[in-house]
Protein backbone atom coordinates (compact mmCIF):
# COMPACT_ATOMS: atom_id res chain seq x y z
CA MET A 1 -13.82 -10.30 -7.85
CA LYS A 2 -12.58 -6.74 -8.35
CA PRO A 3 -9.80 -5.67 -5.97
CA PRO A 4 -10.73 -2.86 -3.58
CA CYS A 5 -9.44 0.61 -4.34
CA PRO A 6 -6.47 1.14 -1.98
CA TYR A 7 -7.63 4.70 -1.24
CA CYS A 8 -11.35 4.33 -0.50
CA LEU A 9 -11.63 0.49 -0.25
CA THR A 10 -14.71 0.38 -2.48
CA GLN A 11 -14.97 -2.34 -5.14
CA GLN A 12 -16.77 -0.38 -7.85
CA GLY A 13 -13.98 -0.87 -10.36
CA PHE A 14 -11.57 1.31 -12.32
CA LEU A 15 -11.78 3.35 -15.48
CA ILE A 16 -8.85 3.46 -17.90
CA ASP A 17 -7.79 6.95 -18.90
CA ALA A 18 -5.41 6.95 -21.87
CA PRO A 19 -4.43 10.51 -22.92
CA PRO A 20 -2.48 10.80 -26.18
CA ALA A 21 1.25 10.09 -25.85
CA GLU A 22 0.85 9.10 -22.18
CA MET A 23 0.69 5.81 -20.35
CA PRO A 24 -2.86 4.66 -19.49
CA ARG A 25 -4.01 5.41 -15.94
CA HIS A 26 -6.46 3.43 -13.80
CA ILE A 27 -8.97 5.75 -12.13
CA CYS A 28 -11.17 4.58 -9.24
CA VAL A 29 -14.85 4.99 -10.16
CA SER A 30 -15.70 6.03 -6.59
CA CYS A 31 -12.95 8.34 -5.31
CA LYS A 32 -11.40 9.32 -8.69
CA GLU A 33 -7.87 8.58 -7.43
CA THR A 34 -5.23 7.24 -9.81
CA VAL A 35 -4.41 3.72 -8.65
CA PRO A 36 -0.85 2.38 -9.14
CA ARG A 37 -0.50 0.14 -12.17
CA LEU A 38 1.44 -2.47 -10.14
CA TYR A 39 -1.47 -2.72 -7.70
CA ILE A 40 -4.00 -3.42 -10.48
CA GLU A 41 -1.82 -5.85 -12.42
CA GLY A 42 -0.82 -7.82 -9.33
CA ALA A 43 -4.24 -8.02 -7.67
CA LYS A 44 -4.71 -11.74 -8.35
CA THR A 45 -1.17 -12.89 -7.65
CA PHE A 46 -0.68 -10.47 -4.76
CA PRO A 47 -4.12 -10.07 -3.15
CA PRO A 48 -4.40 -6.97 -0.94
CA VAL A 49 -4.21 -7.33 2.83
CA ILE A 50 -5.67 -4.20 4.40
CA ILE A 51 -4.44 -3.01 7.79
CA SER A 52 -6.07 -0.04 9.50
CA ALA A 53 -4.10 1.32 12.48
CA ILE A 54 -6.25 3.06 15.10
CA GLY A 55 -5.47 4.48 18.54
CA TYR A 56 -4.79 7.59 20.58
CA PRO A 57 -1.87 9.93 19.79
CA ARG A 58 1.54 8.76 21.08
CA HIS A 59 0.34 5.19 21.57
CA GLY A 60 2.89 3.82 19.11
CA LYS A 61 1.12 3.41 15.75
CA THR A 62 3.64 5.24 13.58
CA VAL A 63 6.70 3.81 15.34
CA TYR A 64 5.24 0.31 15.03
CA CYS A 65 4.61 0.71 11.28
CA ALA A 66 8.14 2.04 10.75
CA SER A 67 9.64 -0.82 12.77
CA LEU A 68 7.55 -3.42 10.92
CA LEU A 69 8.61 -2.09 7.52
CA ARG A 70 12.25 -2.05 8.56
CA GLU A 71 12.03 -5.66 9.74
CA ILE A 72 10.28 -6.69 6.51
CA LYS A 73 13.23 -5.39 4.49
CA ARG A 74 15.51 -7.59 6.62
CA LEU A 75 13.60 -10.78 5.81
CA ALA A 76 15.13 -11.28 2.35
CA GLY A 77 18.21 -12.64 4.11
CA ILE A 78 16.15 -15.02 6.29
CA TRP A 79 13.25 -16.38 4.21
CA PRO A 80 14.32 -18.16 1.00
CA GLY A 81 12.68 -16.58 -2.05
CA PHE A 82 11.16 -13.66 -0.12
CA TYR A 83 11.27 -10.06 -1.31
CA SER A 84 9.33 -6.84 -0.79
CA LEU A 85 8.53 -4.13 -3.32
CA ALA A 86 6.95 -0.71 -2.82
CA ILE A 87 4.40 -0.27 -5.59
CA ASP A 88 4.12 3.50 -5.73
CA GLU A 89 6.58 6.37 -5.33
CA GLU A 90 5.05 7.66 -2.11
CA SER A 91 5.32 4.25 -0.41
CA LEU A 92 8.93 3.91 -1.56
CA GLU A 93 9.81 7.28 -0.04
CA ASN A 94 8.00 6.51 3.23
CA VAL A 95 9.70 3.13 3.67
CA TYR A 96 13.22 4.44 3.19
CA ARG A 97 12.61 7.69 5.08
CA ASN A 98 11.41 5.84 8.18
CA MET A 99 14.14 3.20 7.86
CA GLY A 100 16.68 6.02 7.67
CA ARG A 101 15.36 7.71 10.80
CA LEU A 102 15.42 4.48 12.80
CA GLY A 103 18.93 3.79 11.48
CA LYS A 104 20.01 7.17 12.87
CA ASN A 105 18.34 6.36 16.22
CA GLU A 106 15.64 8.96 15.56
CA LEU A 107 11.89 8.54 15.97
CA PRO A 108 9.76 8.81 12.80
CA ASP A 109 7.63 11.91 12.43
CA ALA A 110 4.12 11.79 13.88
CA THR A 111 1.34 11.20 11.35
CA PRO A 112 -0.25 14.51 10.26
CA ARG A 113 -3.97 15.00 10.70
CA THR A 114 -4.93 14.68 7.07
CA PHE A 115 -6.76 12.01 5.11
CA PRO A 116 -4.01 9.37 4.94
CA ARG A 117 -2.46 7.86 1.86
CA PRO A 118 -1.85 4.16 2.46
CA MET A 119 1.58 2.61 2.30
CA MET A 120 1.54 -0.23 -0.24
CA LEU A 121 4.16 -2.95 -0.18
CA ARG A 122 4.18 -6.12 -2.27
CA LEU A 123 5.37 -9.14 -0.27
CA SER A 124 6.39 -12.24 -2.21
CA GLY A 125 7.15 -15.65 -0.74
CA ILE A 126 5.89 -15.32 2.84
CA PRO A 127 6.43 -18.77 4.41
CA GLN A 128 3.15 -20.73 4.39
CA HIS A 129 1.21 -17.64 3.28
CA GLY A 130 2.48 -17.01 -0.25
CA ASN A 131 2.08 -13.51 -1.64
CA CYS A 132 0.14 -10.38 -0.77
CA THR A 133 0.08 -6.62 -1.16
CA LEU A 134 0.25 -5.05 2.28
CA VAL A 135 -1.86 -1.88 2.40
CA ILE A 136 -1.28 0.01 5.68
CA TYR A 137 -3.28 3.03 6.80
CA ASP A 138 -1.42 4.88 9.55
CA THR A 139 -3.98 7.46 10.64
CA SER A 140 -3.24 10.26 13.12
CA GLY A 141 -4.39 9.55 16.65
CA GLU A 142 -6.32 12.83 16.71
CA SER A 143 -8.65 11.36 14.06
CA PHE A 144 -9.95 8.89 16.66
CA GLU A 145 -10.35 11.26 19.60
CA ARG A 146 -13.75 12.38 18.30
CA ALA A 147 -16.20 10.26 16.33
CA SER A 148 -16.97 13.18 14.00
CA SER A 149 -13.29 13.28 12.93
CA MET A 150 -13.41 9.73 11.60
CA GLY A 151 -15.73 10.69 8.76
CA ARG A 152 -13.38 13.49 7.74
CA TYR A 153 -9.99 11.84 8.14
CA ALA A 154 -10.56 8.08 8.36
CA ARG A 155 -13.57 7.11 6.20
CA PHE A 156 -11.75 4.04 4.90
CA VAL A 157 -12.02 2.31 8.31
CA ALA A 158 -15.65 1.53 7.54
CA ARG A 159 -14.52 -0.98 4.89
CA ALA A 160 -11.30 -2.31 6.45
CA PRO A 161 -11.66 -6.03 7.26
CA THR A 162 -9.19 -5.77 10.18
CA ALA A 163 -8.42 -2.96 12.60
CA LEU A 164 -5.21 -2.92 14.62
CA PHE A 165 -6.19 -1.26 17.89
CA PHE A 166 -2.98 0.21 19.38
CA VAL A 167 -2.95 0.60 23.14
CA SER A 168 -0.05 1.86 25.28
CA ILE A 169 -0.60 0.63 28.84
CA PRO A 170 1.98 3.10 30.30
CA ASP A 171 0.25 6.06 28.63
CA LEU A 172 -3.17 4.86 29.76
CA CYS A 173 -1.95 4.52 33.35
CA GLU A 174 -0.73 8.13 33.31
CA THR A 175 -4.36 9.26 32.97
CA GLY A 176 -5.22 7.66 36.32
CA GLU A 177 -8.19 5.85 34.78
CA PRO A 178 -6.76 3.42 32.21
CA ALA A 179 -9.88 1.23 31.97
CA ALA A 180 -12.13 4.25 31.40
CA GLU A 181 -9.81 5.67 28.73
CA LEU A 182 -9.62 2.31 26.98
CA SER A 183 -13.41 2.04 26.89
CA ARG A 184 -13.75 5.65 25.73
CA LEU A 185 -11.52 5.06 22.72
CA LEU A 186 -13.45 1.95 21.72
CA ASN A 187 -16.77 3.72 22.28
CA THR A 188 -15.64 6.64 20.11
CA TYR A 189 -14.60 4.23 17.36
CA LEU A 190 -17.96 2.41 17.49
CA ILE A 191 -19.89 5.69 17.29
CA GLY A 192 -17.80 6.80 14.32
CA MET A 193 -18.26 3.46 12.56
CA GLY A 194 -22.01 3.68 13.16
CA ASP A 195 -22.11 7.19 11.67
CA LEU A 196 -20.30 5.82 8.60
CA GLY A 197 -22.90 3.06 8.24
CA ALA A 198 -20.38 0.29 9.00
CA ASP A 199 -21.07 -2.99 10.77
CA THR A 200 -18.18 -3.81 13.12
CA ARG A 201 -19.51 -7.35 13.51
CA ARG A 202 -17.96 -8.00 10.09
CA GLN A 203 -14.58 -6.65 11.19
CA ASN A 204 -11.72 -8.36 13.05
CA LEU A 205 -10.10 -6.47 15.91
CA VAL A 206 -6.47 -7.06 16.87
CA VAL A 207 -5.62 -5.30 20.13
CA VAL A 208 -1.90 -4.48 20.02
CA LEU A 209 -0.36 -3.67 23.41
CA THR A 210 2.57 -1.42 22.50
CA LYS A 211 5.65 -0.23 24.44
CA ALA A 212 5.75 -3.59 26.21
CA ASP A 213 9.32 -2.93 27.38
CA ALA A 214 7.94 -0.18 29.64
CA PHE A 215 5.66 -2.47 31.66
CA GLU A 216 7.65 -5.70 31.81
CA SER A 217 7.40 -5.87 35.59
CA GLN A 218 3.60 -5.83 35.39
CA LEU A 219 3.71 -8.57 32.77
CA ALA A 220 6.00 -10.72 34.87
CA SER A 221 3.84 -10.36 37.99
CA GLY A 222 0.71 -11.20 36.02
CA SER A 223 2.11 -14.04 33.91
CA PRO A 224 5.81 -14.98 33.62
CA GLU A 225 5.05 -16.52 30.22
CA LEU A 226 4.24 -13.07 28.80
CA ARG A 227 7.65 -11.69 29.73
CA GLN A 228 9.33 -14.76 28.28
CA HIS A 229 7.24 -14.40 25.12
CA LEU A 230 8.32 -10.79 24.67
CA HIS A 231 12.01 -11.72 24.65
CA ALA A 232 11.74 -15.00 22.77
CA ASP A 233 14.08 -15.70 19.87
CA ASP A 234 13.55 -13.73 16.68
CA GLU A 235 10.18 -14.84 15.34
CA SER A 236 11.12 -13.98 11.77
CA GLU A 237 13.56 -16.91 11.78
CA LEU A 238 11.10 -19.28 13.41
CA LEU A 239 8.20 -18.34 11.16
CA ALA A 240 9.44 -20.34 8.20
CA ASP A 241 9.16 -23.58 10.18
CA GLY A 242 6.24 -22.71 12.46
CA ASN A 243 2.83 -24.28 12.36
CA LEU A 244 0.77 -21.35 11.10
CA ALA A 245 -2.54 -23.15 11.01
CA PRO A 246 -5.29 -20.59 11.70
CA TRP A 247 -8.01 -23.21 11.38
CA SER A 248 -6.59 -24.96 14.44
CA THR A 249 -8.15 -22.17 16.49
CA VAL A 250 -11.66 -23.44 15.79
CA MET A 251 -10.89 -27.01 16.89
CA THR A 252 -10.76 -28.47 20.37
CA PRO A 253 -7.29 -29.68 21.42
CA ALA A 254 -8.36 -33.34 21.08
CA VAL A 255 -9.78 -32.85 17.58
CA ARG A 256 -6.75 -30.79 16.54
CA GLU A 257 -4.35 -33.50 17.75
CA LEU A 258 -6.28 -36.19 15.90
CA PHE A 259 -6.40 -34.04 12.76
CA ASP A 260 -2.64 -33.43 12.87
CA ASP A 261 -1.96 -37.13 13.41
CA LEU A 262 -4.11 -38.08 10.42
CA LEU A 263 -2.28 -35.58 8.20
CA GLY A 264 1.10 -36.46 9.63
CA CYS A 265 1.98 -32.81 10.05
CA GLY A 266 1.80 -32.06 13.75
CA THR A 267 3.79 -29.40 15.54
CA ASP A 268 6.99 -30.36 17.33
CA ALA A 269 8.63 -28.46 20.16
CA THR A 270 10.87 -26.40 17.88
CA GLN A 271 7.84 -25.13 15.98
CA ALA A 272 5.62 -24.35 18.94
CA GLU A 273 6.83 -20.80 19.47
CA ASN A 274 5.03 -19.52 16.38
CA SER A 275 2.16 -21.95 16.15
CA PHE A 276 -1.28 -20.41 16.33
CA ASP A 277 -1.97 -22.57 19.35
CA TYR A 278 0.86 -20.71 21.05
CA LEU A 279 -0.26 -17.27 19.83
CA ASP A 280 -3.81 -18.05 20.94
CA ARG A 281 -2.53 -18.92 24.39
CA ILE A 282 -0.62 -15.62 24.54
CA SER A 283 -3.75 -13.81 23.38
CA ALA A 284 -5.74 -15.39 26.21
CA ARG A 285 -3.03 -14.42 28.72
CA LEU A 286 -3.11 -10.81 27.52
CA ARG A 287 -6.90 -10.73 27.76
CA ARG A 288 -6.65 -11.91 31.35
CA PHE A 289 -3.88 -9.36 32.02
CA LEU A 290 -6.20 -6.54 30.91
CA LEU A 291 -8.98 -7.91 33.09
CA GLU A 292 -6.92 -8.38 36.22
CA ARG A 293 -4.38 -5.54 36.02
CA ILE A 294 -6.32 -2.82 34.17
CA ASP A 295 -9.85 -3.84 35.16
CA ALA A 296 -10.83 -3.56 31.49
CA CYS A 297 -13.92 -5.78 31.75
CA GLU A 298 -16.17 -3.29 29.92
CA PHE A 299 -13.71 -2.92 27.04
CA ILE A 300 -13.37 -6.69 26.66
CA ARG A 301 -17.09 -7.42 26.82
CA LEU A 302 -17.94 -4.62 24.41
CA SER A 303 -15.27 -5.61 21.87
CA GLU A 304 -16.26 -9.28 21.95
CA GLN A 305 -19.91 -8.37 21.40
CA ARG A 306 -19.30 -5.88 18.60
CA PHE A 307 -16.54 -7.48 16.48
CA ARG A 308 -16.34 -10.71 14.52
CA ARG A 309 -13.14 -11.78 16.25
CA VAL A 310 -10.88 -10.21 18.87
CA ASP A 311 -7.20 -11.13 19.35
CA TYR A 312 -4.46 -9.68 21.53
CA CYS A 313 -0.78 -9.15 20.71
CA LEU A 314 2.19 -7.76 22.61
CA VAL A 315 4.90 -5.72 20.86
CA SER A 316 7.90 -3.56 21.61
CA SER A 317 8.68 -1.65 18.44
CA LEU A 318 12.02 -0.33 19.69
CA GLY A 319 13.03 -2.70 22.49
CA ALA A 320 13.61 0.15 24.97
CA PRO A 321 12.05 3.57 25.70
CA PRO A 322 13.54 6.54 23.79
CA VAL A 323 15.58 9.12 25.71
CA GLN A 324 14.97 12.78 24.86
CA GLY A 325 13.52 11.91 21.48
CA ARG A 326 16.35 9.57 20.52
CA ILE A 327 16.38 5.80 20.65
CA VAL A 328 18.99 3.22 21.48
CA PRO A 329 19.82 0.91 18.55
CA ALA A 330 16.41 -0.57 17.87
CA ARG A 331 15.84 -4.20 18.80
CA PRO A 332 12.15 -4.82 18.02
CA CYS A 333 10.26 -7.57 19.82
CA ARG A 334 7.22 -9.48 18.43
CA VAL A 335 6.47 -6.94 15.68
CA PHE A 336 5.35 -9.70 13.28
CA ASP A 337 2.66 -11.10 15.58
CA PRO A 338 -0.08 -8.60 14.52
CA LEU A 339 0.72 -9.23 10.85
CA LEU A 340 0.51 -13.00 11.41
CA ARG A 341 -2.96 -12.52 12.87
CA VAL A 342 -4.11 -10.53 9.86
CA LEU A 343 -2.69 -13.10 7.43
CA ALA A 344 -4.29 -15.96 9.36
CA ASN A 345 -7.73 -14.38 9.21
CA ARG A 346 -7.60 -14.24 5.42
CA MET A 347 -6.36 -17.82 4.88
CA SER A 348 -8.89 -20.28 3.46
CA LEU A 349 -9.28 -23.88 4.69
CA PHE A 350 -8.21 -25.20 1.27
CA ARG A 351 -5.01 -23.15 1.28
CA TRP A 352 -4.24 -24.21 4.85
CA LEU A 353 -4.63 -27.92 3.98
CA TYR A 354 -2.50 -27.42 0.88
CA THR A 355 0.18 -25.68 2.95
CA ARG A 356 0.18 -28.20 5.79
CA CYS A 357 0.22 -31.33 3.60
CA LEU A 358 2.46 -30.27 0.73
CA GLY A 359 4.61 -27.58 2.35
CA ALA A 360 3.56 -25.00 -0.24
CA GLY A 361 4.69 -21.46 0.19
CA ARG A 362 7.79 -22.33 2.24
């Protein structure tokens, strides 16, 4: 199968343009963009994982992406055999520019309202998930305030297999009608996707509750486990030994326990913090939190009817709110959880069995 173009996400293929005395270029048949050579050559070994970030302005998309990329660069010292590689010049500049700003306790610049260029990062040796090319679209929040803007600035979302839906509970509460604003954003997105001829029932939705450090007291009153989850030990260190079995989510607990016993690869207490059973339980707690504390019943019912799968994650990209545009030394919490969800949704049953039984990819 042809890899999707990283700029328009079509799979119509690439033409090779070879001017005299120049290196050949791969040109997308559909959008006519020049696609990085490393992306084309590594498509089989490093299959693309597409992440589309959507949400209102100032709800934490850009800061999350910068924090995630900074944490990814740190993983080479934690995961044996792991490395990351930017595969085009623009991605390389973005990664180190945002890392530099966070290192100086400065917030990254807001995403401009233009058609976005994706950030492309090759990840090699992810524990239990192997290799991939991470393709991240960080689109300006203004592009999702009106459905008509999506066709102009965010056409690629129609073909993205997963959408990360960024929601800042503190910012929603400032409007006085958080449930209504949450539903309005989702409604706008659905109208825009319909205008683009897209079927959201073929898309996974990961609802990412950002700025979690700013509403810890609400989390604790709703479910003490959520507050404990937010400040759990560094998940990047636990990931290498965790039970990352996405197919366990489609089994009943009794069948899952029997299946693990038969394979001899069950999850012990030290692994539980990053098992998908655990992340599913946190997802269910967050769903209930939105129902009980935000009264987001319409948002939840609509999303579950209109998307293939809906999951919930909790993140704090900085660890504490910024003060006058500057941040305390960043201590991110749970920033890998959304990525784990995306990786799990692309894993095949065969690869999962291979990973669980033989320990491949560790």
